Amino acid sequence: MSNDLPIEVAALRRRLGLPLLVLYGTGITIGAGIYVLIGAVAGHAGVYAPWSFLLAAIVMALTVASYAELSTRFPVSAGEAAYVRAAFQSRLLSTAIGLLTFVVGVVSSSAVALGSAGYIAQFVDLPQSLIVVVVVMVLGAVAAWGILESVLLASVFTLVEVGGLLAIIAAAVHTKLPIVLAPPPLEFAALSGVAFASLLAFFAFAGFEDLANVVEEAKMPHRDIPRAMVLTLLISTILYVAVAAIAISAVSIERLSSSPAPLTLVFREVAGISPAAINAIAIVATLNTILAQMTMAARVIYGMARQGDLPAIASRVHPRTATPLFATGLIVASVITLALTVSLERLAEGTSLATLVIFAAVNLALLRLRHRRIHSHGPHVRVPIWVPAAGLATCVAMIASALLK
């Protein structure tokens, strides 16, 4: 007879400390965003692009704070669904939010897998569909291998990806590039440009919320998850503002906003890095995003199944790997299917809106919990009541802007 425990009683293991959580959060937040968004932000904000990133960070901090409290009050996978259920006592509503979170992870992974295949094709002469299948299956195998292994690989990817941005900053300092960082004038045209660009920049900060879905694998979740969220936001903000200031100083706004690969221009102008090296960094950035998003989505499926919202088979954890193998396999199959059947443009369409809906639901859930005076056992973060209120207001405003544009 086998000595293995029954697969149903195995549990996720707490293997992630603060450094790995910060690297995981930073990697998925930075992702491929800054490598493509800087051109669009500069196109609307002009030389004031760094201020758009700073404004977006301030707005995002409100939702970060709400997540910090809720993730410590309810330290479970599929956190968003758990928050909504605790606040509104509605399985239907919590299932809808959980599935929306899952969809965002799968759609994002599929879209980035297509982008990654495009970069990889610069080095290997293979069909895009084959590259997509190989990339997703290899990363899926890593995710199934173990959470520590997944996050360690994602951390290596993060160091390379952040290293590329630091190379730009270091080169700008070395060449004594004159940096443009003047505040926008109090004029409608300038301020409206900065405000609209901040809506685009806002999504460059999305990703920190995935930390809430690995909370069951954090060694000290009540202490480390909120700290990791805050540090992720701070690191991302510093990098974004610095790189944006260098970009608009090194390359004209017209070239930056019209280029399909704006940061490539900056690399060439400031750091003198070859196109091959830039493509390699872009591959690492996209692979990091895919791995982190698939890991997160698998935890959402696992958590929802454990809460009774999905079939119990999805909550099974393998005793050796301590990972939800069925949920991970489902994610891999979903990502490959979408990537091979739906265009990149259609995959990207609506993802930002869905993210805002989730953020709005999280802020609303915290407001509802406070109103109903529902307390949680154990130590947890507590933020002022105006924080989720302001977070909800900003999310609703952005949803309205997206629907009316």
Protein backbone atom coordinates (compact mmCIF):
# COMPACT_ATOMS: atom_id res chain seq x y z
CA MET A 1 0.00 0.00 0.00
CA SER A 2 1.26 3.49 -0.78
CA ASN A 3 2.32 5.67 2.14
CA ASP A 4 1.20 8.84 0.35
CA LEU A 5 -1.53 10.87 1.93
CA PRO A 6 -4.82 10.95 0.03
CA ILE A 7 -4.62 13.71 -2.52
CA GLU A 8 -7.70 15.44 -1.08
CA VAL A 9 -6.10 16.10 2.33
CA ALA A 10 -2.89 17.62 1.05
CA ALA A 11 -2.59 21.35 1.54
CA LEU A 12 -0.73 24.31 0.10
CA ARG A 13 2.60 24.91 1.83
CA ARG A 14 3.80 28.18 3.36
CA ARG A 15 7.12 28.62 1.57
CA LEU A 16 7.19 32.30 0.59
CA GLY A 17 8.98 34.93 2.67
CA LEU A 18 8.91 38.71 2.18
CA PRO A 19 11.78 38.95 -0.38
CA LEU A 20 10.18 36.40 -2.73
CA LEU A 21 6.75 37.98 -2.31
CA VAL A 22 8.14 41.40 -3.24
CA LEU A 23 9.93 39.99 -6.29
CA TYR A 24 6.75 38.14 -7.32
CA GLY A 25 4.58 41.24 -6.90
CA THR A 26 7.07 43.56 -8.60
CA GLY A 27 7.56 41.19 -11.53
CA ILE A 28 3.89 40.78 -12.32
CA THR A 29 3.18 44.50 -11.78
CA ILE A 30 5.97 45.72 -14.03
CA GLY A 31 5.36 42.84 -16.44
CA ALA A 32 5.47 44.03 -20.00
CA GLY A 33 3.52 47.21 -19.20
CA ILE A 34 6.26 49.84 -19.01
CA TYR A 35 7.85 48.38 -22.14
CA VAL A 36 4.82 49.39 -24.22
CA LEU A 37 2.77 51.90 -22.20
CA ILE A 38 5.31 54.68 -22.00
CA GLY A 39 4.64 55.72 -25.60
CA ALA A 40 0.86 55.96 -25.14
CA VAL A 41 1.23 57.89 -21.86
CA ALA A 42 3.73 60.31 -23.39
CA GLY A 43 1.43 60.80 -26.38
CA HIS A 44 -1.27 62.28 -24.12
CA ALA A 45 0.77 63.85 -21.30
CA GLY A 46 3.79 64.96 -23.34
CA VAL A 47 6.73 66.03 -21.21
CA TYR A 48 4.57 65.64 -18.11
CA ALA A 49 4.34 61.83 -18.52
CA PRO A 50 6.20 61.15 -15.23
CA TRP A 51 3.48 63.04 -13.36
CA SER A 52 0.82 60.81 -14.95
CA PHE A 53 2.58 57.75 -13.55
CA LEU A 54 2.86 59.43 -10.14
CA LEU A 55 -0.85 60.36 -10.15
CA ALA A 56 -1.79 56.82 -11.16
CA ALA A 57 0.32 55.44 -8.30
CA ILE A 58 -1.45 57.69 -5.77
CA VAL A 59 -4.86 56.53 -7.04
CA MET A 60 -3.77 52.88 -7.02
CA ALA A 61 -2.51 53.25 -3.44
CA LEU A 62 -6.12 53.53 -2.27
CA THR A 63 -7.02 50.10 -3.64
CA VAL A 64 -3.69 48.67 -2.46
CA ALA A 65 -4.63 49.73 1.08
CA SER A 66 -8.06 48.07 0.81
CA TYR A 67 -6.45 44.84 -0.41
CA ALA A 68 -3.94 45.03 2.45
CA GLU A 69 -6.72 45.05 5.05
CA LEU A 70 -8.91 42.44 3.38
CA SER A 71 -6.07 40.02 2.63
CA THR A 72 -5.13 39.98 6.30
CA ARG A 73 -8.73 39.72 7.49
CA PHE A 74 -9.43 36.86 5.06
CA PRO A 75 -6.08 35.18 4.27
CA VAL A 76 -7.37 32.69 1.70
CA SER A 77 -6.91 31.94 -2.00
CA ALA A 78 -9.55 33.39 -4.35
CA GLY A 79 -9.43 36.39 -2.03
CA GLU A 80 -11.68 38.71 -4.03
CA ALA A 81 -14.48 36.13 -4.03
CA ALA A 82 -14.03 35.56 -0.27
CA TYR A 83 -14.17 39.30 0.47
CA VAL A 84 -17.38 39.76 -1.49
CA ARG A 85 -19.04 36.72 0.08
CA ALA A 86 -18.18 37.86 3.62
CA ALA A 87 -19.49 41.35 2.90
CA PHE A 88 -22.70 40.56 1.00
CA GLN A 89 -23.44 36.95 1.99
CA SER A 90 -24.06 36.15 -1.69
CA ARG A 91 -22.62 33.04 -3.30
CA LEU A 92 -23.77 34.22 -6.73
CA LEU A 93 -21.96 37.56 -6.41
CA SER A 94 -18.79 36.02 -4.97
CA THR A 95 -18.72 33.38 -7.72
CA ALA A 96 -19.12 36.06 -10.38
CA ILE A 97 -16.20 38.09 -8.97
CA GLY A 98 -14.06 34.97 -8.59
CA LEU A 99 -14.72 33.88 -12.16
CA LEU A 100 -14.02 37.41 -13.41
CA THR A 101 -10.64 37.29 -11.64
CA PHE A 102 -9.94 33.91 -13.25
CA VAL A 103 -10.92 35.25 -16.68
CA VAL A 104 -8.61 38.26 -16.32
CA GLY A 105 -5.70 35.95 -15.48
CA VAL A 106 -6.36 33.59 -18.39
CA VAL A 107 -7.01 36.33 -20.95
CA SER A 108 -3.92 38.27 -19.85
CA SER A 109 -1.78 35.13 -20.04
CA SER A 110 -3.11 34.34 -23.53
CA ALA A 111 -2.49 37.85 -24.83
CA VAL A 112 1.02 38.01 -23.39
CA ALA A 113 1.78 34.50 -24.71
CA LEU A 114 1.08 35.78 -28.22
CA GLY A 115 3.33 38.77 -27.60
CA SER A 116 6.06 36.55 -26.18
CA ALA A 117 5.88 34.28 -29.22
CA GLY A 118 6.48 37.31 -31.43
CA TYR A 119 9.70 38.16 -29.58
CA ILE A 120 10.87 34.52 -29.49
CA ALA A 121 10.29 34.24 -33.24
CA GLN A 122 13.10 36.77 -33.68
CA PHE A 123 15.50 34.05 -32.49
CA VAL A 124 13.90 30.81 -33.74
CA ASP A 125 12.16 30.13 -37.05
CA LEU A 126 9.09 28.27 -35.79
CA PRO A 127 5.33 28.77 -36.26
CA GLN A 128 3.74 31.13 -33.73
CA SER A 129 1.21 28.50 -32.65
CA LEU A 130 3.96 26.00 -31.81
CA ILE A 131 5.89 28.60 -29.83
CA VAL A 132 2.76 29.49 -27.85
CA VAL A 133 2.02 25.85 -27.00
CA VAL A 134 5.61 25.14 -25.91
CA VAL A 135 5.89 28.33 -23.82
CA VAL A 136 2.58 27.82 -22.01
CA MET A 137 3.16 24.11 -21.36
CA VAL A 138 6.70 24.65 -20.04
CA LEU A 139 5.56 27.46 -17.73
CA GLY A 140 2.55 25.37 -16.71
CA ALA A 141 4.92 22.55 -15.75
CA VAL A 142 6.92 24.98 -13.60
CA ALA A 143 3.70 26.19 -11.93
CA ALA A 144 2.71 22.56 -11.24
CA TRP A 145 6.19 21.72 -9.90
CA GLY A 146 5.80 23.88 -6.82
CA ILE A 147 5.02 27.41 -5.63
CA LEU A 148 8.59 27.96 -4.41
CA GLU A 149 10.01 26.87 -7.75
CA SER A 150 7.51 29.03 -9.64
CA VAL A 151 8.23 32.13 -7.58
CA LEU A 152 12.00 31.54 -7.67
CA LEU A 153 11.91 31.43 -11.48
CA ALA A 154 9.62 34.46 -11.56
CA SER A 155 12.08 36.23 -9.24
CA VAL A 156 14.97 35.56 -11.63
CA PHE A 157 12.81 36.91 -14.47
CA THR A 158 12.01 39.96 -12.34
CA LEU A 159 15.67 40.69 -11.67
CA VAL A 160 16.43 40.59 -15.42
CA GLU A 161 13.41 42.71 -16.25
CA VAL A 162 14.12 45.30 -13.56
CA GLY A 163 17.77 45.16 -14.54
CA GLY A 164 16.83 46.38 -18.00
CA LEU A 165 15.11 49.43 -16.52
CA LEU A 166 18.00 50.05 -14.12
CA ALA A 167 20.38 49.90 -17.10
CA ILE A 168 18.49 52.81 -18.65
CA ILE A 169 18.64 54.79 -15.40
CA ALA A 170 22.35 54.04 -14.89
CA ALA A 171 23.17 54.99 -18.49
CA ALA A 172 21.26 58.27 -18.12
CA VAL A 173 23.23 59.08 -14.97
CA HIS A 174 26.52 58.09 -16.61
CA THR A 175 25.92 60.25 -19.69
CA LYS A 176 24.58 63.09 -17.54
CA LEU A 177 21.41 63.25 -19.62
CA PRO A 178 19.45 66.44 -18.84
CA ILE A 179 16.26 65.16 -17.22
CA VAL A 180 12.91 66.87 -17.84
CA LEU A 181 10.81 66.71 -14.67
CA ALA A 182 8.94 70.01 -14.56
CA PRO A 183 5.46 69.97 -12.93
CA PRO A 184 2.54 70.65 -15.28
CA PRO A 185 1.26 74.24 -15.36
CA LEU A 186 -2.17 75.01 -13.92
CA GLU A 187 -3.76 75.07 -17.34
CA PHE A 188 -6.69 72.97 -18.55
CA ALA A 189 -4.93 71.50 -21.59
CA ALA A 190 -1.88 70.33 -19.62
CA LEU A 191 -3.84 69.05 -16.62
CA SER A 192 -6.43 67.21 -18.73
CA GLY A 193 -3.62 65.54 -20.69
CA VAL A 194 -1.94 64.38 -17.49
CA ALA A 195 -5.27 63.16 -16.07
CA PHE A 196 -6.21 61.16 -19.17
CA ALA A 197 -2.72 59.68 -19.44
CA SER A 198 -2.95 58.64 -15.79
CA LEU A 199 -5.89 56.40 -16.76
CA LEU A 200 -3.53 54.54 -19.09
CA ALA A 201 -0.72 54.56 -16.55
CA PHE A 202 -3.09 53.15 -13.90
CA PHE A 203 -3.00 49.74 -15.55
CA ALA A 204 0.79 49.64 -15.44
CA PHE A 205 0.37 49.23 -11.67
CA ALA A 206 -2.14 46.37 -11.81
CA GLY A 207 -0.69 43.07 -10.63
CA PHE A 208 -0.03 43.70 -6.94
CA GLU A 209 -3.48 42.18 -6.24
CA ASP A 210 -2.17 38.75 -7.27
CA LEU A 211 -0.32 38.68 -3.95
CA ALA A 212 -3.71 38.25 -2.26
CA ASN A 213 -4.11 34.92 -4.04
CA VAL A 214 -0.85 33.39 -2.79
CA VAL A 215 -1.59 34.39 0.80
CA GLU A 216 -2.02 30.74 1.86
CA GLU A 217 1.56 30.08 0.74
CA ALA A 218 3.13 33.02 2.58
CA LYS A 219 5.12 32.16 5.71
CA MET A 220 3.76 35.13 7.70
CA PRO A 221 0.76 36.40 5.70
CA HIS A 222 -0.52 38.96 8.20
CA ARG A 223 2.85 40.71 8.24
CA ASP A 224 4.37 40.04 4.83
CA ILE A 225 1.47 40.33 2.37
CA PRO A 226 0.65 44.00 3.22
CA ARG A 227 4.36 44.87 3.27
CA ALA A 228 4.88 43.16 -0.09
CA MET A 229 1.96 45.08 -1.60
CA VAL A 230 3.29 48.43 -0.37
CA LEU A 231 6.87 47.69 -1.44
CA THR A 232 5.66 46.50 -4.85
CA LEU A 233 3.84 49.80 -5.38
CA LEU A 234 6.80 51.89 -4.18
CA ILE A 235 9.37 50.04 -6.33
CA SER A 236 7.14 50.18 -9.41
CA THR A 237 6.43 53.89 -8.91
CA ILE A 238 10.12 54.83 -8.56
CA LEU A 239 11.06 52.81 -11.66
CA TYR A 240 8.16 54.12 -13.75
CA VAL A 241 8.68 57.79 -12.88
CA ALA A 242 12.45 57.57 -13.42
CA VAL A 243 12.19 55.71 -16.74
CA ALA A 244 9.40 58.02 -17.96
CA ALA A 245 11.50 61.11 -17.15
CA ILE A 246 14.49 59.63 -18.99
CA ALA A 247 12.36 58.54 -21.97
CA ILE A 248 10.88 61.99 -22.63
CA SER A 249 14.32 63.55 -22.17
CA ALA A 250 16.11 61.18 -24.55
CA VAL A 251 13.52 60.76 -27.33
CA SER A 252 11.09 63.24 -28.87
CA ILE A 253 7.45 62.89 -27.87
CA GLU A 254 6.48 62.32 -31.51
CA ARG A 255 8.88 59.38 -31.95
CA LEU A 256 8.03 57.95 -28.54
CA SER A 257 4.26 58.04 -29.03
CA SER A 258 4.31 56.69 -32.60
CA SER A 259 6.71 53.80 -32.01
CA PRO A 260 5.31 50.26 -31.57
CA ALA A 261 8.29 49.56 -29.26
CA PRO A 262 8.91 52.91 -27.52
CA LEU A 263 11.28 51.67 -24.85
CA THR A 264 13.47 50.12 -27.53
CA LEU A 265 14.15 53.66 -28.75
CA VAL A 266 15.11 54.69 -25.24
CA PHE A 267 17.42 51.69 -24.83
CA ARG A 268 19.20 52.57 -28.06
CA GLU A 269 19.45 56.30 -27.38
CA VAL A 270 20.54 56.10 -23.75
CA ALA A 271 22.13 52.72 -23.10
CA GLY A 272 23.30 51.72 -26.56
CA ILE A 273 21.99 48.19 -26.06
CA SER A 274 21.61 45.98 -29.13
CA PRO A 275 18.13 45.03 -30.45
CA ALA A 276 18.84 41.37 -29.64
CA ALA A 277 19.42 42.20 -25.97
CA ILE A 278 16.24 44.28 -25.88
CA ASN A 279 14.27 41.40 -27.41
CA ALA A 280 15.74 39.05 -24.81
CA ILE A 281 14.68 41.33 -21.96
CA ALA A 282 11.20 41.61 -23.50
CA ILE A 283 10.96 37.81 -23.68
CA VAL A 284 11.86 37.55 -20.00
CA ALA A 285 9.29 40.23 -19.09
CA THR A 286 6.51 38.44 -20.99
CA LEU A 287 7.42 35.00 -19.62
CA ASN A 288 7.34 36.44 -16.10
CA THR A 289 3.86 37.83 -16.64
CA ILE A 290 2.54 34.54 -18.06
CA LEU A 291 3.97 32.45 -15.21
CA ALA A 292 2.71 34.78 -12.48
CA GLN A 293 -0.76 35.16 -14.01
CA MET A 294 -1.19 31.40 -14.49
CA THR A 295 -0.03 30.75 -10.92
CA MET A 296 -2.54 33.31 -9.64
CA ALA A 297 -5.42 32.00 -11.77
CA ALA A 298 -4.81 28.43 -10.58
CA ARG A 299 -5.03 29.63 -6.95
CA VAL A 300 -8.31 31.40 -7.71
CA ILE A 301 -9.81 28.19 -9.14
CA TYR A 302 -8.47 26.20 -6.18
CA GLY A 303 -9.82 28.71 -3.65
CA MET A 304 -13.26 28.90 -5.27
CA ALA A 305 -13.52 25.11 -5.35
CA ARG A 306 -12.57 24.91 -1.69
CA GLN A 307 -15.24 27.49 -0.89
CA GLY A 308 -17.81 25.34 -2.71
CA ASP A 309 -18.28 27.60 -5.74
CA LEU A 310 -16.70 25.15 -8.21
CA PRO A 311 -16.45 21.31 -8.36
CA ALA A 312 -14.39 19.84 -5.53
CA ILE A 313 -11.89 18.21 -7.90
CA ALA A 314 -10.42 21.65 -8.59
CA SER A 315 -9.49 22.01 -4.90
CA ARG A 316 -7.29 18.92 -4.85
CA VAL A 317 -3.65 19.52 -3.98
CA HIS A 318 -0.98 16.96 -4.84
CA PRO A 319 0.87 15.77 -1.70
CA ARG A 320 4.34 15.88 -3.29
CA THR A 321 4.19 19.18 -5.20
CA ALA A 322 1.73 20.90 -2.83
CA THR A 323 0.14 22.52 -5.90
CA PRO A 324 -3.42 22.29 -7.29
CA LEU A 325 -2.59 20.14 -10.34
CA PHE A 326 -6.11 19.94 -11.76
CA ALA A 327 -6.60 23.71 -11.48
CA THR A 328 -3.17 24.34 -13.05
CA GLY A 329 -3.93 21.96 -15.93
CA LEU A 330 -7.25 23.74 -16.50
CA ILE A 331 -5.45 27.08 -16.71
CA VAL A 332 -2.86 25.77 -19.16
CA ALA A 333 -5.57 24.32 -21.43
CA SER A 334 -7.61 27.54 -21.28
CA VAL A 335 -4.63 29.78 -22.07
CA ILE A 336 -3.53 27.66 -25.04
CA THR A 337 -7.06 27.46 -26.44
CA LEU A 338 -7.62 31.21 -26.24
CA ALA A 339 -4.19 32.10 -27.61
CA LEU A 340 -4.67 29.81 -30.63
CA THR A 341 -8.24 30.85 -31.46
CA VAL A 342 -8.61 34.54 -30.56
CA SER A 343 -6.65 37.53 -31.87
CA LEU A 344 -4.35 39.58 -29.64
CA GLU A 345 -6.52 42.69 -30.02
CA ARG A 346 -9.70 40.90 -28.94
CA LEU A 347 -7.91 39.26 -26.01
CA ALA A 348 -6.68 42.62 -24.74
CA GLU A 349 -10.06 44.29 -25.21
CA GLY A 350 -12.04 44.60 -21.99
CA THR A 351 -9.33 43.26 -19.65
CA SER A 352 -8.72 46.68 -18.13
CA LEU A 353 -12.45 47.22 -17.57
CA ALA A 354 -12.78 43.84 -15.87
CA THR A 355 -9.85 44.70 -13.59
CA LEU A 356 -11.54 47.95 -12.58
CA VAL A 357 -14.78 46.10 -11.80
CA ILE A 358 -12.86 43.75 -9.50
CA PHE A 359 -11.11 46.66 -7.78
CA ALA A 360 -14.44 48.45 -7.29
CA ALA A 361 -15.98 45.29 -5.79
CA VAL A 362 -13.06 44.92 -3.35
CA ASN A 363 -13.38 48.52 -2.12
CA LEU A 364 -17.15 48.16 -1.85
CA ALA A 365 -16.76 44.92 0.09
CA LEU A 366 -14.54 46.62 2.67
CA LEU A 367 -17.04 49.48 3.04
CA ARG A 368 -19.84 46.94 3.54
CA LEU A 369 -17.86 44.99 6.14
CA ARG A 370 -17.15 48.18 8.08
CA HIS A 371 -20.82 49.24 7.87
CA ARG A 372 -21.98 45.85 9.15
CA ARG A 373 -19.24 45.90 11.80
CA ILE A 374 -18.05 42.43 10.83
CA HIS A 375 -14.89 41.70 12.76
CA SER A 376 -12.12 39.24 11.92
CA HIS A 377 -10.16 36.98 14.22
CA GLY A 378 -6.42 37.44 14.49
CA PRO A 379 -4.20 40.43 13.72
CA HIS A 380 -4.95 42.40 10.60
CA VAL A 381 -4.28 45.73 8.93
CA ARG A 382 -6.91 48.45 9.41
CA VAL A 383 -7.15 51.48 7.13
CA PRO A 384 -9.23 54.68 7.55
CA ILE A 385 -12.79 54.36 6.22
CA TRP A 386 -12.21 57.12 3.67
CA VAL A 387 -9.63 54.97 1.90
CA PRO A 388 -12.03 52.33 0.44
CA ALA A 389 -14.58 55.11 -0.19
CA ALA A 390 -12.06 57.07 -2.27
CA GLY A 391 -10.85 53.84 -3.90
CA LEU A 392 -14.40 52.96 -4.95
CA ALA A 393 -15.02 56.48 -6.28
CA THR A 394 -11.88 56.48 -8.41
CA CYS A 395 -12.61 53.00 -9.81
CA VAL A 396 -16.19 53.97 -10.72
CA ALA A 397 -14.91 57.18 -12.36
CA MET A 398 -12.44 55.19 -14.47
CA ILE A 399 -15.09 52.65 -15.43
CA ALA A 400 -17.34 55.50 -16.57
CA SER A 401 -14.48 57.05 -18.54
CA ALA A 402 -13.75 53.72 -20.24
CA LEU A 403 -17.40 53.16 -21.18
CA LEU A 404 -17.96 56.72 -22.44
CA LYS A 405 -14.79 57.09 -24.50
